[in-house]
Amino acid sequence: MWKYSVPQKLQTYIIAELGDALLYKELAKMAPNEEYKNLLLDFSKDEQSHADEFKLIYRMITGKKFDPTVATPSLEGSFNDILRDRVLDESGDYRKYGEQYLNTTQNQILRDAYYRARTDENVHALRLLYMLS
């Protein structure tokens, strides 16, 4: 198993969170009603805030700025199919950030960021399931 440094992990998480923020903005355009559109736009804001927080921590740790350009995804499939895929992604992120939270003992700021991201990812998964029901 490969062991990545904290800065490498943060770079990966920043890129993923930025991509998810863009994905939810695009998915909101497909929403069948205002309620779902607003939920998806809220998810986008959450994902952007995770990326922004991870960027600040990355800079705090490395002294360097990391601000990648992430392309807007093109969505394929039905709205409900995309929601189903997102439930799996969000629940996977919930687990990933939970593991990082448990393994981070020396940096309370980073630990707190993992906790907040973990919590939001779980809420997203639950609300995606709500939209599917």
N, C-alpha and C. Protein backbone atom coordinates (compact mmCIF):
# COMPACT_ATOMS: atom_id res chain seq x y z
N MET A 1 0.84 -1.18 0.00
CA MET A 1 0.00 0.00 0.00
C MET A 1 0.88 1.24 0.00
N TRP A 2 0.54 2.19 -0.84
CA TRP A 2 1.33 3.42 -0.95
C TRP A 2 0.99 4.34 0.20
N LYS A 3 2.02 4.96 0.73
CA LYS A 3 1.80 5.92 1.80
C LYS A 3 2.07 7.31 1.23
N TYR A 4 1.06 8.15 1.31
CA TYR A 4 1.17 9.51 0.77
C TYR A 4 1.37 10.48 1.92
N SER A 5 2.11 11.53 1.63
CA SER A 5 2.32 12.57 2.64
C SER A 5 1.04 13.38 2.79
N VAL A 6 0.94 14.11 3.89
CA VAL A 6 -0.23 14.95 4.12
C VAL A 6 -0.39 15.96 2.98
N PRO A 7 0.66 16.67 2.55
CA PRO A 7 0.47 17.60 1.43
C PRO A 7 -0.03 16.91 0.16
N GLN A 8 0.45 15.71 -0.13
CA GLN A 8 -0.02 14.97 -1.32
C GLN A 8 -1.50 14.63 -1.18
N LYS A 9 -1.89 14.19 0.00
CA LYS A 9 -3.30 13.88 0.24
C LYS A 9 -4.15 15.14 0.07
N LEU A 10 -3.69 16.24 0.64
CA LEU A 10 -4.44 17.49 0.53
C LEU A 10 -4.61 17.92 -0.93
N GLN A 11 -3.56 17.77 -1.73
CA GLN A 11 -3.68 18.10 -3.15
C GLN A 11 -4.77 17.27 -3.81
N THR A 12 -4.77 15.98 -3.52
CA THR A 12 -5.78 15.08 -4.08
C THR A 12 -7.17 15.49 -3.63
N TYR A 13 -7.31 15.80 -2.35
CA TYR A 13 -8.63 16.16 -1.81
C TYR A 13 -9.10 17.50 -2.37
N ILE A 14 -8.20 18.44 -2.53
CA ILE A 14 -8.55 19.76 -3.08
C ILE A 14 -9.10 19.58 -4.50
N ILE A 15 -8.41 18.82 -5.31
CA ILE A 15 -8.85 18.59 -6.70
C ILE A 15 -10.22 17.90 -6.71
N ALA A 16 -10.38 16.89 -5.87
CA ALA A 16 -11.64 16.15 -5.83
C ALA A 16 -12.79 17.05 -5.37
N GLU A 17 -12.55 17.85 -4.34
CA GLU A 17 -13.62 18.71 -3.81
C GLU A 17 -13.99 19.80 -4.82
N LEU A 18 -13.01 20.34 -5.51
CA LEU A 18 -13.31 21.34 -6.55
C LEU A 18 -14.12 20.70 -7.67
N GLY A 19 -13.76 19.50 -8.05
CA GLY A 19 -14.50 18.78 -9.08
C GLY A 19 -15.94 18.51 -8.66
N ASP A 20 -16.11 18.12 -7.40
CA ASP A 20 -17.45 17.85 -6.89
C ASP A 20 -18.29 19.14 -6.83
N ALA A 21 -17.66 20.25 -6.47
CA ALA A 21 -18.38 21.53 -6.44
C ALA A 21 -18.91 21.87 -7.83
N LEU A 22 -18.07 21.68 -8.84
CA LEU A 22 -18.50 21.94 -10.22
C LEU A 22 -19.57 20.96 -10.67
N LEU A 23 -19.41 19.70 -10.30
CA LEU A 23 -20.39 18.68 -10.67
C LEU A 23 -21.77 19.03 -10.13
N TYR A 24 -21.84 19.43 -8.87
CA TYR A 24 -23.15 19.76 -8.29
C TYR A 24 -23.77 21.01 -8.92
N LYS A 25 -22.95 21.96 -9.33
CA LYS A 25 -23.48 23.12 -10.06
C LYS A 25 -24.12 22.69 -11.37
N GLU A 26 -23.44 21.78 -12.07
CA GLU A 26 -23.97 21.28 -13.34
C GLU A 26 -25.22 20.43 -13.11
N LEU A 27 -25.19 19.60 -12.09
CA LEU A 27 -26.33 18.73 -11.80
C LEU A 27 -27.55 19.55 -11.40
N ALA A 28 -27.33 20.68 -10.74
CA ALA A 28 -28.45 21.55 -10.35
C ALA A 28 -29.22 22.03 -11.58
N LYS A 29 -28.53 22.17 -12.70
CA LYS A 29 -29.20 22.60 -13.94
C LYS A 29 -30.18 21.53 -14.45
N MET A 30 -29.96 20.29 -14.03
CA MET A 30 -30.82 19.18 -14.46
C MET A 30 -31.95 18.89 -13.47
N ALA A 31 -31.92 19.56 -12.32
CA ALA A 31 -32.88 19.25 -11.25
C ALA A 31 -34.32 19.45 -11.72
N PRO A 32 -35.19 18.53 -11.32
CA PRO A 32 -36.58 18.60 -11.75
C PRO A 32 -37.42 19.65 -11.02
N ASN A 33 -36.88 20.18 -9.91
CA ASN A 33 -37.63 21.20 -9.16
C ASN A 33 -36.68 22.10 -8.37
N GLU A 34 -37.22 23.18 -7.84
CA GLU A 34 -36.42 24.18 -7.13
C GLU A 34 -35.80 23.60 -5.86
N GLU A 35 -36.53 22.76 -5.15
CA GLU A 35 -36.00 22.19 -3.91
C GLU A 35 -34.71 21.41 -4.19
N TYR A 36 -34.75 20.54 -5.18
CA TYR A 36 -33.57 19.74 -5.51
C TYR A 36 -32.44 20.63 -6.04
N LYS A 37 -32.80 21.61 -6.84
CA LYS A 37 -31.80 22.54 -7.36
C LYS A 37 -31.09 23.24 -6.21
N ASN A 38 -31.85 23.72 -5.23
CA ASN A 38 -31.25 24.42 -4.09
C ASN A 38 -30.40 23.50 -3.24
N LEU A 39 -30.84 22.26 -3.04
CA LEU A 39 -30.03 21.29 -2.30
C LEU A 39 -28.70 21.06 -3.00
N LEU A 40 -28.74 20.88 -4.31
CA LEU A 40 -27.52 20.62 -5.07
C LEU A 40 -26.59 21.83 -5.06
N LEU A 41 -27.14 23.02 -5.12
CA LEU A 41 -26.30 24.22 -5.04
C LEU A 41 -25.69 24.35 -3.65
N ASP A 42 -26.42 23.94 -2.61
CA ASP A 42 -25.84 23.92 -1.26
C ASP A 42 -24.69 22.92 -1.18
N PHE A 43 -24.86 21.75 -1.82
CA PHE A 43 -23.78 20.76 -1.84
C PHE A 43 -22.55 21.37 -2.51
N SER A 44 -22.77 22.09 -3.60
CA SER A 44 -21.66 22.71 -4.32
C SER A 44 -20.90 23.68 -3.40
N LYS A 45 -21.64 24.46 -2.65
CA LYS A 45 -21.00 25.40 -1.71
C LYS A 45 -20.21 24.65 -0.64
N ASP A 46 -20.78 23.56 -0.13
CA ASP A 46 -20.07 22.75 0.87
C ASP A 46 -18.76 22.22 0.31
N GLU A 47 -18.82 21.66 -0.90
CA GLU A 47 -17.62 21.08 -1.50
C GLU A 47 -16.56 22.16 -1.75
N GLN A 48 -17.01 23.33 -2.19
CA GLN A 48 -16.08 24.45 -2.39
C GLN A 48 -15.45 24.85 -1.06
N SER A 49 -16.24 24.87 0.01
CA SER A 49 -15.68 25.24 1.31
C SER A 49 -14.67 24.22 1.81
N HIS A 50 -14.90 22.94 1.51
CA HIS A 50 -13.91 21.91 1.87
C HIS A 50 -12.60 22.17 1.12
N ALA A 51 -12.72 22.43 -0.18
CA ALA A 51 -11.52 22.70 -0.99
C ALA A 51 -10.78 23.92 -0.45
N ASP A 52 -11.52 24.97 -0.14
CA ASP A 52 -10.90 26.20 0.36
C ASP A 52 -10.20 25.96 1.70
N GLU A 53 -10.83 25.19 2.57
CA GLU A 53 -10.22 24.90 3.86
C GLU A 53 -8.96 24.04 3.69
N PHE A 54 -9.03 23.04 2.82
CA PHE A 54 -7.86 22.21 2.56
C PHE A 54 -6.73 23.03 1.93
N LYS A 55 -7.08 23.99 1.09
CA LYS A 55 -6.06 24.88 0.49
C LYS A 55 -5.35 25.69 1.57
N LEU A 56 -6.11 26.23 2.51
CA LEU A 56 -5.50 27.01 3.60
C LEU A 56 -4.56 26.14 4.44
N ILE A 57 -4.99 24.94 4.73
CA ILE A 57 -4.17 24.03 5.53
C ILE A 57 -2.93 23.62 4.74
N TYR A 58 -3.09 23.37 3.45
CA TYR A 58 -1.94 23.04 2.60
C TYR A 58 -0.91 24.16 2.66
N ARG A 59 -1.38 25.39 2.54
CA ARG A 59 -0.46 26.53 2.58
C ARG A 59 0.20 26.67 3.96
N MET A 60 -0.57 26.40 5.01
CA MET A 60 -0.05 26.46 6.37
C MET A 60 1.07 25.42 6.55
N ILE A 61 0.88 24.24 5.99
CA ILE A 61 1.83 23.15 6.16
C ILE A 61 3.06 23.32 5.27
N THR A 62 2.86 23.72 4.02
CA THR A 62 3.95 23.74 3.03
C THR A 62 4.55 25.13 2.79
N GLY A 63 3.77 26.17 3.12
CA GLY A 63 4.20 27.52 2.79
C GLY A 63 3.97 27.86 1.32
N LYS A 64 3.33 26.95 0.60
CA LYS A 64 3.07 27.14 -0.83
C LYS A 64 1.57 27.18 -1.10
N LYS A 65 1.23 27.86 -2.18
CA LYS A 65 -0.16 27.92 -2.62
C LYS A 65 -0.43 26.77 -3.58
N PHE A 66 -1.59 26.15 -3.44
CA PHE A 66 -2.03 25.11 -4.37
C PHE A 66 -3.43 25.48 -4.83
N ASP A 67 -3.53 25.90 -6.09
CA ASP A 67 -4.80 26.35 -6.64
C ASP A 67 -4.97 25.79 -8.04
N PRO A 68 -5.31 24.50 -8.13
CA PRO A 68 -5.40 23.85 -9.45
C PRO A 68 -6.64 24.31 -10.23
N THR A 69 -6.54 24.19 -11.52
CA THR A 69 -7.69 24.43 -12.39
C THR A 69 -8.35 23.08 -12.64
N VAL A 70 -9.64 23.04 -12.39
CA VAL A 70 -10.40 21.80 -12.56
C VAL A 70 -11.48 22.05 -13.61
N ALA A 71 -11.56 21.18 -14.58
CA ALA A 71 -12.54 21.34 -15.66
C ALA A 71 -13.94 20.99 -15.18
N THR A 72 -14.91 21.70 -15.71
CA THR A 72 -16.31 21.40 -15.41
C THR A 72 -16.65 20.05 -16.04
N PRO A 73 -17.21 19.14 -15.25
CA PRO A 73 -17.52 17.82 -15.79
C PRO A 73 -18.71 17.86 -16.73
N SER A 74 -18.71 16.97 -17.71
CA SER A 74 -19.90 16.82 -18.54
C SER A 74 -20.66 15.62 -17.97
N LEU A 75 -21.91 15.83 -17.68
CA LEU A 75 -22.72 14.80 -17.03
C LEU A 75 -23.42 13.95 -18.08
N GLU A 76 -23.32 12.65 -17.91
CA GLU A 76 -23.97 11.72 -18.81
C GLU A 76 -24.87 10.81 -18.00
N GLY A 77 -26.02 10.51 -18.56
CA GLY A 77 -26.98 9.66 -17.88
C GLY A 77 -28.13 10.48 -17.34
N SER A 78 -29.09 9.76 -16.79
CA SER A 78 -30.26 10.44 -16.24
C SER A 78 -29.94 11.09 -14.91
N PHE A 79 -30.76 12.01 -14.51
CA PHE A 79 -30.61 12.69 -13.23
C PHE A 79 -30.52 11.66 -12.10
N ASN A 80 -31.45 10.69 -12.10
CA ASN A 80 -31.46 9.69 -11.02
C ASN A 80 -30.23 8.78 -11.06
N ASP A 81 -29.76 8.45 -12.24
CA ASP A 81 -28.54 7.62 -12.33
C ASP A 81 -27.34 8.37 -11.74
N ILE A 82 -27.26 9.65 -12.04
CA ILE A 82 -26.16 10.46 -11.50
C ILE A 82 -26.28 10.55 -9.98
N LEU A 83 -27.51 10.74 -9.48
CA LEU A 83 -27.71 10.78 -8.03
C LEU A 83 -27.24 9.48 -7.38
N ARG A 84 -27.58 8.35 -7.99
CA ARG A 84 -27.16 7.05 -7.43
C ARG A 84 -25.63 6.95 -7.36
N ASP A 85 -24.97 7.37 -8.42
CA ASP A 85 -23.51 7.35 -8.42
C ASP A 85 -22.95 8.26 -7.33
N ARG A 86 -23.59 9.40 -7.15
CA ARG A 86 -23.13 10.36 -6.15
C ARG A 86 -23.31 9.81 -4.73
N VAL A 87 -24.36 9.06 -4.48
CA VAL A 87 -24.54 8.46 -3.15
C VAL A 87 -23.33 7.60 -2.82
N LEU A 88 -22.88 6.81 -3.78
CA LEU A 88 -21.72 5.95 -3.55
C LEU A 88 -20.46 6.79 -3.34
N ASP A 89 -20.28 7.82 -4.15
CA ASP A 89 -19.10 8.69 -4.00
C ASP A 89 -19.10 9.40 -2.65
N GLU A 90 -20.25 9.96 -2.29
CA GLU A 90 -20.33 10.71 -1.03
C GLU A 90 -20.13 9.79 0.18
N SER A 91 -20.71 8.60 0.14
CA SER A 91 -20.53 7.69 1.27
C SER A 91 -19.09 7.19 1.33
N GLY A 92 -18.45 7.05 0.18
CA GLY A 92 -17.02 6.70 0.17
C GLY A 92 -16.17 7.81 0.75
N ASP A 93 -16.52 9.06 0.42
CA ASP A 93 -15.80 10.20 1.00
C ASP A 93 -16.02 10.29 2.50
N TYR A 94 -17.21 9.97 2.94
CA TYR A 94 -17.51 9.95 4.38
C TYR A 94 -16.56 8.99 5.09
N ARG A 95 -16.40 7.83 4.52
CA ARG A 95 -15.49 6.83 5.11
C ARG A 95 -14.03 7.32 5.05
N LYS A 96 -13.63 7.85 3.89
CA LYS A 96 -12.24 8.31 3.70
C LYS A 96 -11.89 9.40 4.71
N TYR A 97 -12.75 10.41 4.81
CA TYR A 97 -12.46 11.50 5.73
C TYR A 97 -12.57 11.06 7.20
N GLY A 98 -13.41 10.09 7.47
CA GLY A 98 -13.49 9.53 8.82
C GLY A 98 -12.20 8.85 9.21
N GLU A 99 -11.62 8.09 8.28
CA GLU A 99 -10.34 7.44 8.54
C GLU A 99 -9.24 8.47 8.74
N GLN A 100 -9.24 9.52 7.92
CA GLN A 100 -8.23 10.57 8.08
C GLN A 100 -8.39 11.27 9.42
N TYR A 101 -9.62 11.51 9.81
CA TYR A 101 -9.90 12.13 11.11
C TYR A 101 -9.32 11.29 12.24
N LEU A 102 -9.56 9.99 12.20
CA LEU A 102 -9.06 9.10 13.26
C LEU A 102 -7.55 8.99 13.26
N ASN A 103 -6.92 9.11 12.09
CA ASN A 103 -5.47 8.95 11.98
C ASN A 103 -4.69 10.25 12.17
N THR A 104 -5.39 11.37 12.23
CA THR A 104 -4.72 12.66 12.39
C THR A 104 -4.72 13.03 13.86
N THR A 105 -3.54 12.99 14.46
CA THR A 105 -3.46 13.27 15.91
C THR A 105 -2.62 14.50 16.23
N GLN A 106 -1.75 14.91 15.33
CA GLN A 106 -0.82 15.99 15.63
C GLN A 106 -1.31 17.37 15.21
N ASN A 107 -2.26 17.44 14.29
CA ASN A 107 -2.68 18.73 13.74
C ASN A 107 -4.19 18.88 13.95
N GLN A 108 -4.58 19.62 14.99
CA GLN A 108 -5.99 19.75 15.33
C GLN A 108 -6.78 20.50 14.25
N ILE A 109 -6.16 21.45 13.58
CA ILE A 109 -6.84 22.19 12.52
C ILE A 109 -7.21 21.24 11.37
N LEU A 110 -6.27 20.39 10.98
CA LEU A 110 -6.52 19.42 9.92
C LEU A 110 -7.55 18.39 10.38
N ARG A 111 -7.42 17.95 11.59
CA ARG A 111 -8.37 16.97 12.14
C ARG A 111 -9.79 17.54 12.10
N ASP A 112 -9.95 18.79 12.50
CA ASP A 112 -11.27 19.44 12.48
C ASP A 112 -11.80 19.56 11.05
N ALA A 113 -10.92 19.87 10.09
CA ALA A 113 -11.33 19.98 8.69
C ALA A 113 -11.83 18.62 8.17
N TYR A 114 -11.15 17.55 8.54
CA TYR A 114 -11.60 16.22 8.14
C TYR A 114 -12.97 15.91 8.76
N TYR A 115 -13.16 16.31 10.00
CA TYR A 115 -14.45 16.07 10.66
C TYR A 115 -15.58 16.81 9.95
N ARG A 116 -15.34 18.08 9.62
CA ARG A 116 -16.38 18.86 8.93
C ARG A 116 -16.67 18.28 7.55
N ALA A 117 -15.63 17.91 6.81
CA ALA A 117 -15.84 17.33 5.48
C ALA A 117 -16.60 16.01 5.61
N ARG A 118 -16.21 15.20 6.57
CA ARG A 118 -16.88 13.91 6.81
C ARG A 118 -18.36 14.11 7.08
N THR A 119 -18.67 15.04 7.94
CA THR A 119 -20.06 15.31 8.30
C THR A 119 -20.86 15.76 7.08
N ASP A 120 -20.32 16.69 6.31
CA ASP A 120 -21.03 17.19 5.13
C ASP A 120 -21.23 16.08 4.10
N GLU A 121 -20.23 15.23 3.90
CA GLU A 121 -20.36 14.16 2.92
C GLU A 121 -21.49 13.21 3.32
N ASN A 122 -21.62 12.94 4.60
CA ASN A 122 -22.69 12.08 5.08
C ASN A 122 -24.05 12.73 4.84
N VAL A 123 -24.16 14.01 5.14
CA VAL A 123 -25.41 14.74 4.91
C VAL A 123 -25.76 14.72 3.42
N HIS A 124 -24.77 14.91 2.57
CA HIS A 124 -25.01 14.88 1.13
C HIS A 124 -25.57 13.51 0.71
N ALA A 125 -24.94 12.44 1.18
CA ALA A 125 -25.40 11.09 0.82
C ALA A 125 -26.85 10.88 1.25
N LEU A 126 -27.17 11.31 2.46
CA LEU A 126 -28.54 11.14 2.94
C LEU A 126 -29.53 11.96 2.13
N ARG A 127 -29.16 13.16 1.78
CA ARG A 127 -30.07 14.02 1.01
C ARG A 127 -30.19 13.55 -0.44
N LEU A 128 -29.14 12.97 -0.96
CA LEU A 128 -29.24 12.37 -2.29
C LEU A 128 -30.22 11.20 -2.27
N LEU A 129 -30.16 10.40 -1.23
CA LEU A 129 -31.13 9.31 -1.09
C LEU A 129 -32.55 9.85 -0.98
N TYR A 130 -32.72 10.95 -0.26
CA TYR A 130 -34.02 11.61 -0.17
C TYR A 130 -34.52 12.00 -1.56
N MET A 131 -33.64 12.56 -2.37
CA MET A 131 -34.05 12.96 -3.72
C MET A 131 -34.40 11.76 -4.59
N LEU A 132 -33.82 10.62 -4.30
CA LEU A 132 -34.11 9.41 -5.06
C LEU A 132 -35.41 8.72 -4.63
N SER A 133 -35.89 9.07 -3.42
CA SER A 133 -37.07 8.34 -2.89
C SER A 133 -38.38 8.89 -3.43
